[in-house]
Amino acid sequence: VRLVESGGGLVQAGGSLRLSCAASGLTFSMLRMHWFRQAPGKEREFVASIWSDISTYYADSAKGRFTISRDNAKNTVYLQMNSLKPEDTAVYFCAGGVSARVDYWGQGTQVTVSS
């Protein structure tokens, strides 16, 4: 099982980025997929989830600005991030699992938002 994130980078406050996470080695459509993030000196925190039935869930910090989506034909989950703030700066991790437990993690992609 492998999850590979891409799309991170440096953006100015107010800008947008779209993260992608490509999965391989598993039945992607059956998985609950998630995005987490970890800022320097802070614990990893939940950002958003999308389940196999396309239900979506967001952290309060992401509501109204971030959108999680998936393309099962491409085994890929996305995180569209708009109106980015400096406090969104973190390493963003893709994760997945069959149940509420996270079984698989990606290596992370850095997002830096400058003020």
C-alpha atoms as a PDB file:
ATOM      1  CA  VAL A   1       0.000   0.000   0.000  1.00  0.00           C
ATOM      2  CA  ARG A   2       1.392   3.364  -0.970  1.00  0.00           C
ATOM      3  CA  LEU A   3       0.052   6.908  -0.675  1.00  0.00           C
ATOM      4  CA  VAL A   4       1.953   9.682  -2.449  1.00  0.00           C
ATOM      5  CA  GLU A   5       1.073  13.320  -1.926  1.00  0.00           C
ATOM      6  CA  SER A   6       1.869  16.154  -4.311  1.00  0.00           C
ATOM      7  CA  GLY A   7       0.891  19.751  -4.894  1.00  0.00           C
ATOM      8  CA  GLY A   8       2.419  21.451  -1.898  1.00  0.00           C
ATOM      9  CA  GLY A   9       4.457  24.606  -2.189  1.00  0.00           C
ATOM     10  CA  LEU A  10       4.808  28.249  -1.253  1.00  0.00           C
ATOM     11  CA  VAL A  11       1.827  30.549  -1.683  1.00  0.00           C
ATOM     12  CA  GLN A  12       0.899  34.011  -0.484  1.00  0.00           C
ATOM     13  CA  ALA A  13      -1.872  34.522   2.028  1.00  0.00           C
ATOM     14  CA  GLY A  14      -5.227  34.508   0.282  1.00  0.00           C
ATOM     15  CA  GLY A  15      -3.976  32.171  -2.409  1.00  0.00           C
ATOM     16  CA  SER A  16      -4.955  28.628  -3.295  1.00  0.00           C
ATOM     17  CA  LEU A  17      -3.338  25.224  -3.627  1.00  0.00           C
ATOM     18  CA  ARG A  18      -4.658  21.815  -4.583  1.00  0.00           C
ATOM     19  CA  LEU A  19      -3.069  18.804  -2.977  1.00  0.00           C
ATOM     20  CA  SER A  20      -3.313  15.382  -4.545  1.00  0.00           C
ATOM     21  CA  CYS A  21      -2.768  11.945  -3.056  1.00  0.00           C
ATOM     22  CA  ALA A  22      -2.342   8.990  -5.370  1.00  0.00           C
ATOM     23  CA  ALA A  23      -2.974   5.551  -3.889  1.00  0.00           C
ATOM     24  CA  SER A  24      -1.771   2.198  -5.067  1.00  0.00           C
ATOM     25  CA  GLY A  25      -1.857  -1.365  -3.855  1.00  0.00           C
ATOM     26  CA  LEU A  26      -5.374  -1.366  -2.437  1.00  0.00           C
ATOM     27  CA  THR A  27      -9.097  -1.122  -3.240  1.00  0.00           C
ATOM     28  CA  PHE A  28      -9.208   2.638  -3.134  1.00  0.00           C
ATOM     29  CA  SER A  29     -12.959   3.058  -3.571  1.00  0.00           C
ATOM     30  CA  MET A  30     -13.637   1.229  -0.312  1.00  0.00           C
ATOM     31  CA  LEU A  31     -11.363   3.408   1.790  1.00  0.00           C
ATOM     32  CA  ARG A  32     -12.094   6.342   3.997  1.00  0.00           C
ATOM     33  CA  MET A  33      -9.520   8.933   2.975  1.00  0.00           C
ATOM     34  CA  HIS A  34      -8.277  11.780   5.121  1.00  0.00           C
ATOM     35  CA  TRP A  35      -6.003  14.765   5.177  1.00  0.00           C
ATOM     36  CA  PHE A  36      -4.086  15.670   8.301  1.00  0.00           C
ATOM     37  CA  ARG A  37      -1.493  18.357   8.888  1.00  0.00           C
ATOM     38  CA  GLN A  38       1.325  19.023  11.294  1.00  0.00           C
ATOM     39  CA  ALA A  39       2.788  22.451  11.915  1.00  0.00           C
ATOM     40  CA  PRO A  40       6.248  22.904  13.446  1.00  0.00           C
ATOM     41  CA  GLY A  41       6.166  22.224  17.156  1.00  0.00           C
ATOM     42  CA  LYS A  42       2.537  21.096  17.088  1.00  0.00           C
ATOM     43  CA  GLU A  43       0.735  17.788  17.071  1.00  0.00           C
ATOM     44  CA  ARG A  44      -0.695  16.319  13.911  1.00  0.00           C
ATOM     45  CA  GLU A  45      -4.295  17.426  13.445  1.00  0.00           C
ATOM     46  CA  PHE A  46      -7.266  16.342  11.378  1.00  0.00           C
ATOM     47  CA  VAL A  47      -8.195  18.491   8.383  1.00  0.00           C
ATOM     48  CA  ALA A  48     -10.791  16.646   6.307  1.00  0.00           C
ATOM     49  CA  SER A  49     -12.210  13.232   5.445  1.00  0.00           C
ATOM     50  CA  ILE A  50     -14.126  11.717   2.576  1.00  0.00           C
ATOM     51  CA  TRP A  51     -15.730   8.326   2.932  1.00  0.00           C
ATOM     52  CA  SER A  52     -16.538   5.715   0.328  1.00  0.00           C
ATOM     53  CA  ASP A  53     -20.118   7.045   0.115  1.00  0.00           C
ATOM     54  CA  ILE A  54     -18.677  10.523  -0.606  1.00  0.00           C
ATOM     55  CA  SER A  55     -19.696  11.887   2.799  1.00  0.00           C
ATOM     56  CA  THR A  56     -17.284  14.634   3.788  1.00  0.00           C
ATOM     57  CA  TYR A  57     -16.154  15.956   7.143  1.00  0.00           C
ATOM     58  CA  TYR A  58     -14.025  18.962   7.992  1.00  0.00           C
ATOM     59  CA  ALA A  59     -12.168  20.476  10.898  1.00  0.00           C
ATOM     60  CA  ASP A  60     -13.577  23.838  11.925  1.00  0.00           C
ATOM     61  CA  SER A  61     -10.406  25.480  10.627  1.00  0.00           C
ATOM     62  CA  ALA A  62     -11.049  24.045   7.157  1.00  0.00           C
ATOM     63  CA  LYS A  63     -14.786  24.606   6.814  1.00  0.00           C
ATOM     64  CA  GLY A  64     -15.690  27.043   4.066  1.00  0.00           C
ATOM     65  CA  ARG A  65     -12.138  27.215   2.717  1.00  0.00           C
ATOM     66  CA  PHE A  66     -11.046  23.636   1.969  1.00  0.00           C
ATOM     67  CA  THR A  67     -12.776  21.016  -0.141  1.00  0.00           C
ATOM     68  CA  ILE A  68     -11.926  17.318  -0.118  1.00  0.00           C
ATOM     69  CA  SER A  69     -12.845  15.185  -3.103  1.00  0.00           C
ATOM     70  CA  ARG A  70     -11.943  11.872  -4.648  1.00  0.00           C
ATOM     71  CA  ASP A  71     -11.689  10.278  -8.069  1.00  0.00           C
ATOM     72  CA  ASN A  72     -11.978   6.535  -7.640  1.00  0.00           C
ATOM     73  CA  ALA A  73     -11.118   5.930 -11.299  1.00  0.00           C
ATOM     74  CA  LYS A  74      -7.738   7.574 -10.657  1.00  0.00           C
ATOM     75  CA  ASN A  75      -7.265   6.242  -7.110  1.00  0.00           C
ATOM     76  CA  THR A  76      -6.713   9.821  -6.041  1.00  0.00           C
ATOM     77  CA  VAL A  77      -7.978  12.091  -3.291  1.00  0.00           C
ATOM     78  CA  TYR A  78      -7.683  15.859  -3.478  1.00  0.00           C
ATOM     79  CA  LEU A  79      -7.682  18.768  -1.074  1.00  0.00           C
ATOM     80  CA  GLN A  80      -8.542  22.115  -2.633  1.00  0.00           C
ATOM     81  CA  MET A  81      -7.392  24.852  -0.296  1.00  0.00           C
ATOM     82  CA  ASN A  82      -8.592  28.415  -0.845  1.00  0.00           C
ATOM     83  CA  SER A  83      -8.145  31.637   1.108  1.00  0.00           C
ATOM     84  CA  LEU A  84      -4.988  30.259   2.654  1.00  0.00           C
ATOM     85  CA  LYS A  85      -3.666  31.805   5.849  1.00  0.00           C
ATOM     86  CA  PRO A  86      -0.171  31.765   7.354  1.00  0.00           C
ATOM     87  CA  GLU A  87      -1.520  29.490  10.089  1.00  0.00           C
ATOM     88  CA  ASP A  88      -2.250  26.870   7.422  1.00  0.00           C
ATOM     89  CA  THR A  89       1.496  26.389   7.051  1.00  0.00           C
ATOM     90  CA  ALA A  90       2.235  22.740   7.809  1.00  0.00           C
ATOM     91  CA  VAL A  91       3.192  19.400   6.373  1.00  0.00           C
ATOM     92  CA  TYR A  92       0.025  17.883   4.963  1.00  0.00           C
ATOM     93  CA  PHE A  93      -0.419  14.131   5.130  1.00  0.00           C
ATOM     94  CA  CYS A  94      -2.769  11.904   3.224  1.00  0.00           C
ATOM     95  CA  ALA A  95      -4.139   8.935   5.122  1.00  0.00           C
ATOM     96  CA  GLY A  96      -6.566   6.112   4.577  1.00  0.00           C
ATOM     97  CA  GLY A  97      -8.327   3.228   6.230  1.00  0.00           C
ATOM     98  CA  VAL A  98     -11.246   0.861   5.912  1.00  0.00           C
ATOM     99  CA  SER A  99     -12.807   1.869   9.225  1.00  0.00           C
ATOM    100  CA  ALA A 100     -12.401   4.795  11.583  1.00  0.00           C
ATOM    101  CA  ARG A 101      -8.831   3.691  12.179  1.00  0.00           C
ATOM    102  CA  VAL A 102      -6.124   5.097   9.915  1.00  0.00           C
ATOM    103  CA  ASP A 103      -4.152   2.241   8.431  1.00  0.00           C
ATOM    104  CA  TYR A 104      -2.059   3.979   5.804  1.00  0.00           C
ATOM    105  CA  TRP A 105      -0.088   7.225   5.713  1.00  0.00           C
ATOM    106  CA  GLY A 106       1.668   9.171   2.995  1.00  0.00           C
ATOM    107  CA  GLN A 107       5.037  10.829   3.431  1.00  0.00           C
ATOM    108  CA  GLY A 108       3.626  14.355   3.535  1.00  0.00           C
ATOM    109  CA  THR A 109       3.896  17.484   1.425  1.00  0.00           C
ATOM    110  CA  GLN A 110       4.940  20.897   2.692  1.00  0.00           C
ATOM    111  CA  VAL A 111       2.560  23.840   2.418  1.00  0.00           C
ATOM    112  CA  THR A 112       3.944  27.260   3.295  1.00  0.00           C
ATOM    113  CA  VAL A 113       1.742  30.338   3.333  1.00  0.00           C
ATOM    114  CA  SER A 114       3.542  33.663   3.473  1.00  0.00           C
ATOM    115  CA  SER A 115       1.978  36.776   4.951  1.00  0.00           C
END
